[in-house]
Amino acid sequence: MKNLTIPLKFDLGQFLRFFTQLSPENKELIFNALKAAMQAGPVRLNGDFPLQGTVLKYDHPFQPVAENDWEVIV
C-alpha cells in the first residue's frame, strides 16, 4: 500500500456548467483554493499507516472516547 491512489470520478462538463453560474468573487475563491492545492503538491501516505504522525495534539489522551455513551450499553 505504499502508493495508494483513490479513483475520483470528476465530470469536467458538469463542473464547468456549475462554475459559469458563480459570481466572480466565488470563482476567485475556487481558483485560489485550487491553485494552493496544486502548489502544495501530492499528499504522500505513510505506507500501511497513512495517519501516523498527523495528530496535532491530544486533549485528555487517557480518557475514554465518548465516555458518557458507555451508560447506554449497561
N, C-alpha and C. Protein backbone atom coordinates (compact mmCIF):
# COMPACT_ATOMS: atom_id res chain seq x y z
N MET A 1 0.81 -1.20 0.00
CA MET A 1 0.00 0.00 0.00
C MET A 1 0.85 1.26 0.00
N LYS A 2 2.05 1.20 -0.48
CA LYS A 2 2.90 2.38 -0.48
C LYS A 2 2.33 3.50 -1.34
N ASN A 3 1.90 3.17 -2.53
CA ASN A 3 1.35 4.18 -3.44
C ASN A 3 -0.14 3.97 -3.57
N LEU A 4 -0.87 4.49 -2.63
CA LEU A 4 -2.31 4.35 -2.61
C LEU A 4 -2.92 5.45 -3.48
N THR A 5 -3.67 5.04 -4.48
CA THR A 5 -4.38 6.01 -5.30
C THR A 5 -5.87 5.78 -5.13
N ILE A 6 -6.59 6.84 -4.97
CA ILE A 6 -8.03 6.75 -4.81
C ILE A 6 -8.67 7.32 -6.06
N PRO A 7 -9.40 6.47 -6.79
CA PRO A 7 -10.03 6.97 -8.02
C PRO A 7 -11.11 7.99 -7.68
N LEU A 8 -11.15 9.05 -8.45
CA LEU A 8 -12.11 10.11 -8.22
C LEU A 8 -12.85 10.36 -9.53
N LYS A 9 -14.16 10.20 -9.48
CA LYS A 9 -14.95 10.49 -10.67
C LYS A 9 -15.19 11.99 -10.71
N PHE A 10 -14.76 12.60 -11.79
CA PHE A 10 -14.86 14.04 -11.93
C PHE A 10 -15.43 14.34 -13.29
N ASP A 11 -16.59 14.96 -13.32
CA ASP A 11 -17.24 15.33 -14.58
C ASP A 11 -16.89 16.78 -14.87
N LEU A 12 -15.94 16.99 -15.76
CA LEU A 12 -15.48 18.34 -16.07
C LEU A 12 -16.60 19.19 -16.65
N GLY A 13 -17.41 18.60 -17.50
CA GLY A 13 -18.53 19.35 -18.10
C GLY A 13 -19.50 19.86 -17.05
N GLN A 14 -19.82 19.01 -16.08
CA GLN A 14 -20.73 19.40 -15.02
C GLN A 14 -20.10 20.51 -14.17
N PHE A 15 -18.81 20.37 -13.87
CA PHE A 15 -18.12 21.39 -13.10
C PHE A 15 -18.14 22.73 -13.84
N LEU A 16 -17.86 22.71 -15.14
CA LEU A 16 -17.82 23.95 -15.90
C LEU A 16 -19.20 24.61 -15.97
N ARG A 17 -20.27 23.80 -16.11
CA ARG A 17 -21.63 24.36 -16.10
C ARG A 17 -21.91 25.05 -14.77
N PHE A 18 -21.52 24.42 -13.68
CA PHE A 18 -21.70 25.00 -12.36
C PHE A 18 -20.82 26.24 -12.19
N PHE A 19 -19.59 26.15 -12.61
CA PHE A 19 -18.62 27.22 -12.43
C PHE A 19 -19.05 28.49 -13.15
N THR A 20 -19.62 28.36 -14.34
CA THR A 20 -20.02 29.55 -15.11
C THR A 20 -21.17 30.30 -14.45
N GLN A 21 -21.91 29.65 -13.56
CA GLN A 21 -23.04 30.30 -12.89
C GLN A 21 -22.63 31.04 -11.62
N LEU A 22 -21.38 30.90 -11.22
CA LEU A 22 -20.92 31.52 -9.98
C LEU A 22 -20.61 33.01 -10.18
N SER A 23 -20.65 33.73 -9.08
CA SER A 23 -20.24 35.14 -9.10
C SER A 23 -18.73 35.21 -9.28
N PRO A 24 -18.23 36.34 -9.75
CA PRO A 24 -16.78 36.48 -9.90
C PRO A 24 -16.01 36.26 -8.59
N GLU A 25 -16.59 36.69 -7.46
CA GLU A 25 -15.94 36.51 -6.17
C GLU A 25 -15.80 35.03 -5.83
N ASN A 26 -16.85 34.26 -6.08
CA ASN A 26 -16.80 32.83 -5.78
C ASN A 26 -15.87 32.09 -6.74
N LYS A 27 -15.83 32.54 -7.98
CA LYS A 27 -14.89 31.93 -8.94
C LYS A 27 -13.45 32.15 -8.47
N GLU A 28 -13.19 33.36 -7.96
CA GLU A 28 -11.85 33.66 -7.48
C GLU A 28 -11.49 32.80 -6.26
N LEU A 29 -12.46 32.58 -5.36
CA LEU A 29 -12.21 31.72 -4.20
C LEU A 29 -11.85 30.30 -4.62
N ILE A 30 -12.60 29.75 -5.56
CA ILE A 30 -12.34 28.39 -6.04
C ILE A 30 -10.99 28.34 -6.74
N PHE A 31 -10.72 29.32 -7.58
CA PHE A 31 -9.45 29.35 -8.30
C PHE A 31 -8.27 29.39 -7.33
N ASN A 32 -8.36 30.25 -6.30
CA ASN A 32 -7.27 30.36 -5.33
C ASN A 32 -7.09 29.08 -4.52
N ALA A 33 -8.20 28.42 -4.17
CA ALA A 33 -8.11 27.15 -3.43
C ALA A 33 -7.46 26.07 -4.29
N LEU A 34 -7.85 25.99 -5.55
CA LEU A 34 -7.24 25.00 -6.45
C LEU A 34 -5.76 25.30 -6.68
N LYS A 35 -5.43 26.56 -6.83
CA LYS A 35 -4.05 26.95 -7.04
C LYS A 35 -3.19 26.57 -5.83
N ALA A 36 -3.71 26.83 -4.63
CA ALA A 36 -2.96 26.47 -3.41
C ALA A 36 -2.78 24.96 -3.29
N ALA A 37 -3.82 24.21 -3.64
CA ALA A 37 -3.73 22.75 -3.57
C ALA A 37 -2.72 22.21 -4.57
N MET A 38 -2.67 22.81 -5.74
CA MET A 38 -1.71 22.35 -6.75
C MET A 38 -0.28 22.70 -6.35
N GLN A 39 -0.08 23.84 -5.72
CA GLN A 39 1.26 24.24 -5.30
C GLN A 39 1.75 23.41 -4.13
N ALA A 40 0.81 22.90 -3.32
CA ALA A 40 1.18 22.08 -2.16
C ALA A 40 1.75 20.74 -2.60
N GLY A 41 1.40 20.29 -3.77
CA GLY A 41 1.91 19.03 -4.28
C GLY A 41 1.10 17.84 -3.80
N PRO A 42 1.48 16.66 -4.23
CA PRO A 42 0.72 15.46 -3.87
C PRO A 42 0.86 15.11 -2.40
N VAL A 43 -0.17 14.48 -1.88
CA VAL A 43 -0.15 14.01 -0.50
C VAL A 43 0.57 12.68 -0.46
N ARG A 44 1.56 12.55 0.36
CA ARG A 44 2.31 11.30 0.47
C ARG A 44 1.80 10.53 1.68
N LEU A 45 1.36 9.32 1.43
CA LEU A 45 0.86 8.48 2.51
C LEU A 45 1.99 7.64 3.07
N ASN A 46 1.92 7.36 4.35
CA ASN A 46 2.98 6.64 5.05
C ASN A 46 2.68 5.14 5.06
N GLY A 47 2.80 4.48 3.92
CA GLY A 47 2.64 3.03 3.83
C GLY A 47 1.33 2.53 4.41
N ASP A 48 1.40 1.57 5.32
CA ASP A 48 0.21 0.97 5.90
C ASP A 48 -0.41 1.84 6.98
N PHE A 49 0.23 2.92 7.37
CA PHE A 49 -0.26 3.78 8.44
C PHE A 49 -0.34 5.22 7.94
N PRO A 50 -1.31 5.53 7.06
CA PRO A 50 -1.34 6.85 6.43
C PRO A 50 -1.57 8.01 7.39
N LEU A 51 -2.13 7.76 8.56
CA LEU A 51 -2.39 8.85 9.51
C LEU A 51 -1.30 9.00 10.56
N GLN A 52 -0.30 8.14 10.53
CA GLN A 52 0.77 8.19 11.52
C GLN A 52 1.50 9.52 11.44
N GLY A 53 1.64 10.17 12.59
CA GLY A 53 2.34 11.44 12.65
C GLY A 53 1.48 12.65 12.32
N THR A 54 0.17 12.46 12.14
CA THR A 54 -0.68 13.58 11.77
C THR A 54 -1.43 14.19 12.94
N VAL A 55 -1.32 13.63 14.13
CA VAL A 55 -2.03 14.17 15.29
C VAL A 55 -1.35 15.46 15.72
N LEU A 56 -2.13 16.53 15.85
CA LEU A 56 -1.58 17.81 16.25
C LEU A 56 -1.46 17.94 17.76
N LYS A 57 -2.46 17.44 18.47
CA LYS A 57 -2.42 17.47 19.93
C LYS A 57 -3.46 16.50 20.47
N TYR A 58 -3.28 16.11 21.70
CA TYR A 58 -4.23 15.25 22.40
C TYR A 58 -4.91 16.07 23.49
N ASP A 59 -6.23 16.06 23.52
CA ASP A 59 -6.98 16.64 24.64
C ASP A 59 -7.45 15.48 25.49
N HIS A 60 -6.89 15.27 26.62
CA HIS A 60 -7.27 14.18 27.52
C HIS A 60 -6.98 12.81 26.88
N PRO A 61 -5.74 12.48 26.63
CA PRO A 61 -5.42 11.24 25.92
C PRO A 61 -5.78 9.97 26.68
N PHE A 62 -5.96 10.04 27.98
CA PHE A 62 -6.24 8.83 28.74
C PHE A 62 -7.72 8.68 29.09
N GLN A 63 -8.54 9.59 28.63
CA GLN A 63 -9.98 9.49 28.84
C GLN A 63 -10.60 8.64 27.74
N PRO A 64 -11.60 7.83 28.08
CA PRO A 64 -12.27 7.03 27.04
C PRO A 64 -12.96 7.92 26.02
N VAL A 65 -13.06 7.43 24.83
CA VAL A 65 -13.79 8.16 23.79
C VAL A 65 -15.27 8.05 24.09
N ALA A 66 -15.98 9.15 23.99
CA ALA A 66 -17.41 9.19 24.25
C ALA A 66 -17.74 8.54 25.59
N GLU A 67 -17.13 9.01 26.64
CA GLU A 67 -17.26 8.43 27.98
C GLU A 67 -18.72 8.32 28.42
N ASN A 68 -19.55 9.29 28.14
CA ASN A 68 -20.95 9.26 28.56
C ASN A 68 -21.78 8.22 27.82
N ASP A 69 -21.33 7.78 26.67
CA ASP A 69 -22.08 6.80 25.90
C ASP A 69 -22.02 5.40 26.48
N TRP A 70 -21.09 5.12 27.39
CA TRP A 70 -20.97 3.80 27.96
C TRP A 70 -22.19 3.44 28.81
N GLU A 71 -22.90 4.42 29.34
CA GLU A 71 -24.08 4.15 30.16
C GLU A 71 -25.18 3.48 29.34
N VAL A 72 -25.24 3.75 28.06
CA VAL A 72 -26.26 3.17 27.19
C VAL A 72 -26.08 1.66 27.08
N ILE A 73 -24.85 1.19 27.10
CA ILE A 73 -24.56 -0.23 26.96
C ILE A 73 -24.98 -1.01 28.18
N VAL A 74 -24.88 -0.42 29.36
CA VAL A 74 -25.17 -1.13 30.62
C VAL A 74 -26.64 -1.39 30.78
